[in-house]
Amino acid sequence: MIKYSRIQVDYYQRNYNEESRLSTNKARMVEFYTTIRTLENFIAPNSSILDVGAGTGIYSLYLAEKGHLVTATDITPLHVDTIRKKVNEHKGNIRLEASVVDGRDLSRYKSESFDVVLCLGPLYHLISLNDRLKCISECLRVLKEDGMLFVAYINRHFVITRIIKDNKDYLNEKWIDKIIKDGFIKSDENDCFWTDAYFHTPDEIEEFMNEHFGIKMIENIAADGISTLMPDVIDNMNDEEYQVWLRYHFKTCREPSILGYSNHGLYVGRKL
């Protein structure tokens, strides 16, 4: 059994409000709306779904409410407790269970036991290639043949722009070159602005999935597009304007030039 990463667990237990990340404002919610729209395009009714790295369960709960059988896992006990509390307080009859599980070791689940696997967070924090390989290998092992895998990643190019926008101390060639070349930050480094984290490029995630795994890429989508680069504009939109923005985003979220600047990307693949 792989030991939990104490760095990530401690960070999310103490310092980060994962519960509000996708729901605090209109700009952030673009990612949620894009993701559920994509999921609904590919997930058949009454599917068995494993949500690896489910956070506090925003997608797990949504899918369970749609009638799917959902198993949610997360490495952070606080997140799992939050999901269980939501299930207990839910007024409807939903099928959702949650457990503390490391995404690199899904050995408690049988091979080819899920119709769909979501991996919408673990790759953010696996800075070792070997760990990333373990995580996706496990996701594919428990996924049925012809099943759908959804993998989220953070865009390396977005990170550079976003951090410099907030703090010009990072506007130096050494730091920029490090992110472009290495693609990761570590919590014990002086210039770490988050916790242990790995950032892909859109091309890199496609190469990673194609080179190492038996999977057919279906789509690579800009989950939030440029929305998080202009939050004030989007948050000040009225409801009608916001709906127009969402329609624009949905029409362009597969455009490579926009994908390259999106905060989050969403890789969609089918197991061969």
Foldseek 3Di string as FASTA:
>chain_A
DDDFDVQVQVCVVPPDDLVCQQPVFLLSVLLVVLVVVVCVVPDDAQWEEEEEQCFLPPPVVVVQVSVYQYEYEHQHPVSQVNNVVCVVPDPDDGHYHYDYDDLLDPPVAAFQQGQEYEAEPPQFADLDPVSVLSNVVVRNRNHHAQGKYKHKFFALVQVLVVVCVVPVVCVDPVNNVCCVPRQWDDQPDPPDPGHTGGHDFQVRVVCSDVVRAQKAWDAKWQSSFCSVVPVVVQRPDDPVVNVVVSVVRSVCRRPNVRSNNRRMMMIMITHD
